[in-house]
Amino acid sequence: MRSMRPISTMILVGTLLGGFSACAPALLMNTPVSKHADGWAITLGQIKAGPDEYIGEGGVNVTSGTDETLLWTLVTVKNESGEEQTFDYDTCVLEWNGEARQPLVVGRPAEAGAEVNASVDRSEAIAPGQERTRQLIYTYPKDQPPPRMKCGKVVLPIKGKH
């Protein structure tokens, strides 16, 4: 009589891995898109759906609603002008079907292994030639990827799974 151990082990491992992958963030876009306007170069580098909870400094906890997910974006802003300028991250909205959403959270990109995320000011002065990369987190309807991000006059098409 043959042992069923190899088959049962494979089924168990497959079930566990399937369960873990269901909880993993879904990468919606990983091809950077850049545009220039008004002395700024703005790059949308990545968009992930999930995780659906943000834990920040000072006990800040943001979760998504039942029919929503948290979209985690990486945005790099470079001051291309000859003088210091202030950039307002609230101008970076996700647009779709005539609606727009501002970021709930503006933070530094999370470091590997960090249990708490570091938030930053919603606007900041940037010296000429300097750049900042920030993580902007939005609530967004599930199963409806946004077609674009607009930061002031700069419109960045979201290239990915639609």
C-alpha atoms as a PDB file:
ATOM      1  CA  MET A   1       0.000   0.000   0.000  1.00  0.00           C
ATOM      2  CA  ARG A   2       1.395   3.401  -1.015  1.00  0.00           C
ATOM      3  CA  SER A   3       1.547   6.319   1.367  1.00  0.00           C
ATOM      4  CA  MET A   4      -0.608   9.366   0.571  1.00  0.00           C
ATOM      5  CA  ARG A   5       1.784  11.636   2.422  1.00  0.00           C
ATOM      6  CA  PRO A   6       3.340  13.324  -0.660  1.00  0.00           C
ATOM      7  CA  ILE A   7      -0.053  14.168  -2.150  1.00  0.00           C
ATOM      8  CA  SER A   8      -1.587  15.324   1.127  1.00  0.00           C
ATOM      9  CA  THR A   9       1.520  17.413   1.855  1.00  0.00           C
ATOM     10  CA  MET A  10       1.306  19.043  -1.578  1.00  0.00           C
ATOM     11  CA  ILE A  11      -2.386  19.850  -1.053  1.00  0.00           C
ATOM     12  CA  LEU A  12      -1.671  21.334   2.387  1.00  0.00           C
ATOM     13  CA  VAL A  13       1.234  23.457   1.107  1.00  0.00           C
ATOM     14  CA  GLY A  14      -0.831  24.626  -1.882  1.00  0.00           C
ATOM     15  CA  THR A  15      -3.728  25.592   0.359  1.00  0.00           C
ATOM     16  CA  LEU A  16      -1.461  27.530   2.711  1.00  0.00           C
ATOM     17  CA  LEU A  17       0.306  29.359  -0.114  1.00  0.00           C
ATOM     18  CA  GLY A  18      -3.018  30.186  -1.752  1.00  0.00           C
ATOM     19  CA  GLY A  19      -4.257  31.645   1.523  1.00  0.00           C
ATOM     20  CA  PHE A  20      -1.160  33.785   1.913  1.00  0.00           C
ATOM     21  CA  SER A  21      -1.285  35.085  -1.641  1.00  0.00           C
ATOM     22  CA  ALA A  22      -4.903  36.142  -1.155  1.00  0.00           C
ATOM     23  CA  CYS A  23      -3.732  38.505   1.605  1.00  0.00           C
ATOM     24  CA  ALA A  24      -0.818  39.925  -0.369  1.00  0.00           C
ATOM     25  CA  PRO A  25      -1.074  43.358  -1.989  1.00  0.00           C
ATOM     26  CA  ALA A  26      -1.920  43.329  -5.700  1.00  0.00           C
ATOM     27  CA  LEU A  27       0.507  45.279  -7.859  1.00  0.00           C
ATOM     28  CA  LEU A  28      -1.607  47.409 -10.208  1.00  0.00           C
ATOM     29  CA  MET A  29       1.230  49.398 -11.793  1.00  0.00           C
ATOM     30  CA  ASN A  30       4.999  49.122 -11.645  1.00  0.00           C
ATOM     31  CA  THR A  31       6.022  51.036 -14.785  1.00  0.00           C
ATOM     32  CA  PRO A  32       6.917  54.624 -13.849  1.00  0.00           C
ATOM     33  CA  VAL A  33       5.116  57.473 -15.640  1.00  0.00           C
ATOM     34  CA  SER A  34       6.631  60.987 -15.564  1.00  0.00           C
ATOM     35  CA  LYS A  35       5.436  64.419 -16.654  1.00  0.00           C
ATOM     36  CA  HIS A  36       6.751  67.983 -16.286  1.00  0.00           C
ATOM     37  CA  ALA A  37       4.896  71.279 -15.660  1.00  0.00           C
ATOM     38  CA  ASP A  38       5.292  74.524 -13.725  1.00  0.00           C
ATOM     39  CA  GLY A  39       8.877  73.759 -12.664  1.00  0.00           C
ATOM     40  CA  TRP A  40       8.043  70.274 -11.354  1.00  0.00           C
ATOM     41  CA  ALA A  41       8.872  66.774 -12.591  1.00  0.00           C
ATOM     42  CA  ILE A  42       6.357  64.330 -11.131  1.00  0.00           C
ATOM     43  CA  THR A  43       6.740  60.555 -11.376  1.00  0.00           C
ATOM     44  CA  LEU A  44       4.126  57.999 -10.407  1.00  0.00           C
ATOM     45  CA  GLY A  45       6.285  54.952  -9.766  1.00  0.00           C
ATOM     46  CA  GLN A  46       3.988  52.279  -8.370  1.00  0.00           C
ATOM     47  CA  ILE A  47       0.429  51.503  -7.303  1.00  0.00           C
ATOM     48  CA  LYS A  48      -0.591  48.592  -5.072  1.00  0.00           C
ATOM     49  CA  ALA A  49      -4.052  47.589  -3.893  1.00  0.00           C
ATOM     50  CA  GLY A  50      -3.678  46.710  -0.228  1.00  0.00           C
ATOM     51  CA  PRO A  51      -2.962  46.074   2.473  1.00  0.00           C
ATOM     52  CA  ASP A  52      -6.250  47.540   3.638  1.00  0.00           C
ATOM     53  CA  GLU A  53      -4.870  48.901   6.899  1.00  0.00           C
ATOM     54  CA  TYR A  54      -2.338  51.653   7.549  1.00  0.00           C
ATOM     55  CA  ILE A  55      -0.716  51.952  10.967  1.00  0.00           C
ATOM     56  CA  GLY A  56       1.141  55.224  11.447  1.00  0.00           C
ATOM     57  CA  GLU A  57       2.938  57.226  14.074  1.00  0.00           C
ATOM     58  CA  GLY A  58       0.990  58.464  17.069  1.00  0.00           C
ATOM     59  CA  GLY A  59      -1.612  55.716  16.872  1.00  0.00           C
ATOM     60  CA  VAL A  60      -2.941  56.704  13.438  1.00  0.00           C
ATOM     61  CA  ASN A  61      -4.875  53.781  11.995  1.00  0.00           C
ATOM     62  CA  VAL A  62      -6.599  53.977   8.592  1.00  0.00           C
ATOM     63  CA  THR A  63      -8.701  51.162   7.142  1.00  0.00           C
ATOM     64  CA  SER A  64     -10.782  50.848   4.004  1.00  0.00           C
ATOM     65  CA  GLY A  65     -14.567  50.551   3.876  1.00  0.00           C
ATOM     66  CA  THR A  66     -16.439  47.375   2.925  1.00  0.00           C
ATOM     67  CA  ASP A  67     -16.565  48.071  -0.816  1.00  0.00           C
ATOM     68  CA  GLU A  68     -13.206  49.865  -0.919  1.00  0.00           C
ATOM     69  CA  THR A  69      -9.512  49.104  -0.794  1.00  0.00           C
ATOM     70  CA  LEU A  70      -6.488  51.181   0.128  1.00  0.00           C
ATOM     71  CA  LEU A  71      -4.352  52.115  -2.864  1.00  0.00           C
ATOM     72  CA  TRP A  72      -0.694  52.680  -1.984  1.00  0.00           C
ATOM     73  CA  THR A  73       1.139  54.883  -4.493  1.00  0.00           C
ATOM     74  CA  LEU A  74       4.754  56.018  -4.762  1.00  0.00           C
ATOM     75  CA  VAL A  75       5.129  59.558  -6.084  1.00  0.00           C
ATOM     76  CA  THR A  76       8.441  61.343  -6.690  1.00  0.00           C
ATOM     77  CA  VAL A  77       8.421  65.127  -7.003  1.00  0.00           C
ATOM     78  CA  LYS A  78      11.482  67.042  -8.272  1.00  0.00           C
ATOM     79  CA  ASN A  79      11.851  70.809  -8.210  1.00  0.00           C
ATOM     80  CA  GLU A  80      13.177  71.742 -11.666  1.00  0.00           C
ATOM     81  CA  SER A  81      12.914  75.489 -11.123  1.00  0.00           C
ATOM     82  CA  GLY A  82      15.739  77.784 -10.053  1.00  0.00           C
ATOM     83  CA  GLU A  83      14.181  78.603  -6.675  1.00  0.00           C
ATOM     84  CA  GLU A  84      12.633  76.872  -3.687  1.00  0.00           C
ATOM     85  CA  GLN A  85       9.002  75.827  -4.251  1.00  0.00           C
ATOM     86  CA  THR A  86       6.355  74.302  -2.018  1.00  0.00           C
ATOM     87  CA  PHE A  87       4.592  71.191  -3.232  1.00  0.00           C
ATOM     88  CA  ASP A  88       1.126  70.304  -1.911  1.00  0.00           C
ATOM     89  CA  TYR A  89       0.477  66.541  -2.028  1.00  0.00           C
ATOM     90  CA  ASP A  90      -3.278  67.116  -1.650  1.00  0.00           C
ATOM     91  CA  THR A  91      -3.228  68.273  -5.289  1.00  0.00           C
ATOM     92  CA  CYS A  92      -2.401  64.659  -6.285  1.00  0.00           C
ATOM     93  CA  VAL A  93      -5.843  63.152  -6.742  1.00  0.00           C
ATOM     94  CA  LEU A  94      -6.987  59.872  -8.264  1.00  0.00           C
ATOM     95  CA  GLU A  95      -9.616  60.610 -10.916  1.00  0.00           C
ATOM     96  CA  TRP A  96     -12.284  58.424 -12.481  1.00  0.00           C
ATOM     97  CA  ASN A  97     -15.801  58.921 -13.853  1.00  0.00           C
ATOM     98  CA  GLY A  98     -15.855  62.608 -12.911  1.00  0.00           C
ATOM     99  CA  GLU A  99     -14.836  61.921  -9.300  1.00  0.00           C
ATOM    100  CA  ALA A 100     -11.535  62.652  -7.551  1.00  0.00           C
ATOM    101  CA  ARG A 101     -10.017  61.454  -4.272  1.00  0.00           C
ATOM    102  CA  GLN A 102      -7.293  63.164  -2.274  1.00  0.00           C
ATOM    103  CA  PRO A 103      -4.785  61.079  -0.326  1.00  0.00           C
ATOM    104  CA  LEU A 104      -5.772  60.095   3.208  1.00  0.00           C
ATOM    105  CA  VAL A 105      -2.138  59.621   4.170  1.00  0.00           C
ATOM    106  CA  VAL A 106       1.100  61.260   3.001  1.00  0.00           C
ATOM    107  CA  GLY A 107       4.151  59.429   4.267  1.00  0.00           C
ATOM    108  CA  ARG A 108       7.653  58.236   3.664  1.00  0.00           C
ATOM    109  CA  PRO A 109       7.934  54.950   1.778  1.00  0.00           C
ATOM    110  CA  ALA A 110       7.754  52.148   4.346  1.00  0.00           C
ATOM    111  CA  GLU A 111      11.033  50.532   5.279  1.00  0.00           C
ATOM    112  CA  ALA A 112      11.244  46.745   5.225  1.00  0.00           C
ATOM    113  CA  GLY A 113      10.268  45.290   8.589  1.00  0.00           C
ATOM    114  CA  ALA A 114       8.836  48.555   9.914  1.00  0.00           C
ATOM    115  CA  GLU A 115       5.715  48.057  12.014  1.00  0.00           C
ATOM    116  CA  VAL A 116       4.793  51.750  12.008  1.00  0.00           C
ATOM    117  CA  ASN A 117       4.838  54.079   9.004  1.00  0.00           C
ATOM    118  CA  ALA A 118       6.246  57.615   9.189  1.00  0.00           C
ATOM    119  CA  SER A 119       3.949  60.401   8.046  1.00  0.00           C
ATOM    120  CA  VAL A 120       5.141  63.734   6.632  1.00  0.00           C
ATOM    121  CA  ASP A 121       3.598  67.149   6.104  1.00  0.00           C
ATOM    122  CA  ARG A 122       0.958  67.349   3.385  1.00  0.00           C
ATOM    123  CA  SER A 123       2.990  70.121   1.735  1.00  0.00           C
ATOM    124  CA  GLU A 124       6.711  70.775   1.880  1.00  0.00           C
ATOM    125  CA  ALA A 125       9.308  73.203   0.585  1.00  0.00           C
ATOM    126  CA  ILE A 126      11.730  71.621  -1.872  1.00  0.00           C
ATOM    127  CA  ALA A 127      15.005  73.288  -2.880  1.00  0.00           C
ATOM    128  CA  PRO A 128      15.986  73.636  -6.555  1.00  0.00           C
ATOM    129  CA  GLY A 129      17.166  70.330  -8.038  1.00  0.00           C
ATOM    130  CA  GLN A 130      15.998  68.334  -5.013  1.00  0.00           C
ATOM    131  CA  GLU A 131      13.393  65.571  -5.055  1.00  0.00           C
ATOM    132  CA  ARG A 132      11.184  63.778  -2.546  1.00  0.00           C
ATOM    133  CA  THR A 133       9.562  60.370  -2.820  1.00  0.00           C
ATOM    134  CA  ARG A 134       6.353  59.998  -0.855  1.00  0.00           C
ATOM    135  CA  GLN A 135       3.815  57.275  -0.283  1.00  0.00           C
ATOM    136  CA  LEU A 136       0.286  58.553  -0.903  1.00  0.00           C
ATOM    137  CA  ILE A 137      -2.516  56.300   0.318  1.00  0.00           C
ATOM    138  CA  TYR A 138      -6.092  56.571  -0.943  1.00  0.00           C
ATOM    139  CA  THR A 139      -9.384  54.770  -0.388  1.00  0.00           C
ATOM    140  CA  TYR A 140     -10.764  53.550  -3.680  1.00  0.00           C
ATOM    141  CA  PRO A 141     -13.616  51.314  -4.935  1.00  0.00           C
ATOM    142  CA  LYS A 142     -12.652  47.633  -5.127  1.00  0.00           C
ATOM    143  CA  ASP A 143     -12.181  46.085  -8.563  1.00  0.00           C
ATOM    144  CA  GLN A 144     -12.091  49.484 -10.307  1.00  0.00           C
ATOM    145  CA  PRO A 145      -8.493  50.575 -10.968  1.00  0.00           C
ATOM    146  CA  PRO A 146      -8.119  54.342 -11.465  1.00  0.00           C
ATOM    147  CA  PRO A 147      -7.250  55.517 -15.004  1.00  0.00           C
ATOM    148  CA  ARG A 148      -5.177  58.546 -13.923  1.00  0.00           C
ATOM    149  CA  MET A 149      -3.596  60.614 -11.178  1.00  0.00           C
ATOM    150  CA  LYS A 150      -3.651  64.385 -11.455  1.00  0.00           C
ATOM    151  CA  CYS A 151      -1.184  66.573  -9.504  1.00  0.00           C
ATOM    152  CA  GLY A 152      -2.126  70.179 -10.206  1.00  0.00           C
ATOM    153  CA  LYS A 153      -1.782  70.575 -13.984  1.00  0.00           C
ATOM    154  CA  VAL A 154       0.134  67.300 -14.426  1.00  0.00           C
ATOM    155  CA  VAL A 155      -1.974  64.334 -15.544  1.00  0.00           C
ATOM    156  CA  LEU A 156      -0.318  60.937 -15.159  1.00  0.00           C
ATOM    157  CA  PRO A 157      -2.029  58.033 -16.944  1.00  0.00           C
ATOM    158  CA  ILE A 158      -2.035  54.843 -14.916  1.00  0.00           C
ATOM    159  CA  LYS A 159      -0.639  52.074 -17.062  1.00  0.00           C
ATOM    160  CA  GLY A 160      -1.470  48.650 -15.779  1.00  0.00           C
ATOM    161  CA  LYS A 161      -4.260  46.176 -15.259  1.00  0.00           C
ATOM    162  CA  HIS A 162      -7.616  47.778 -16.098  1.00  0.00           C
END
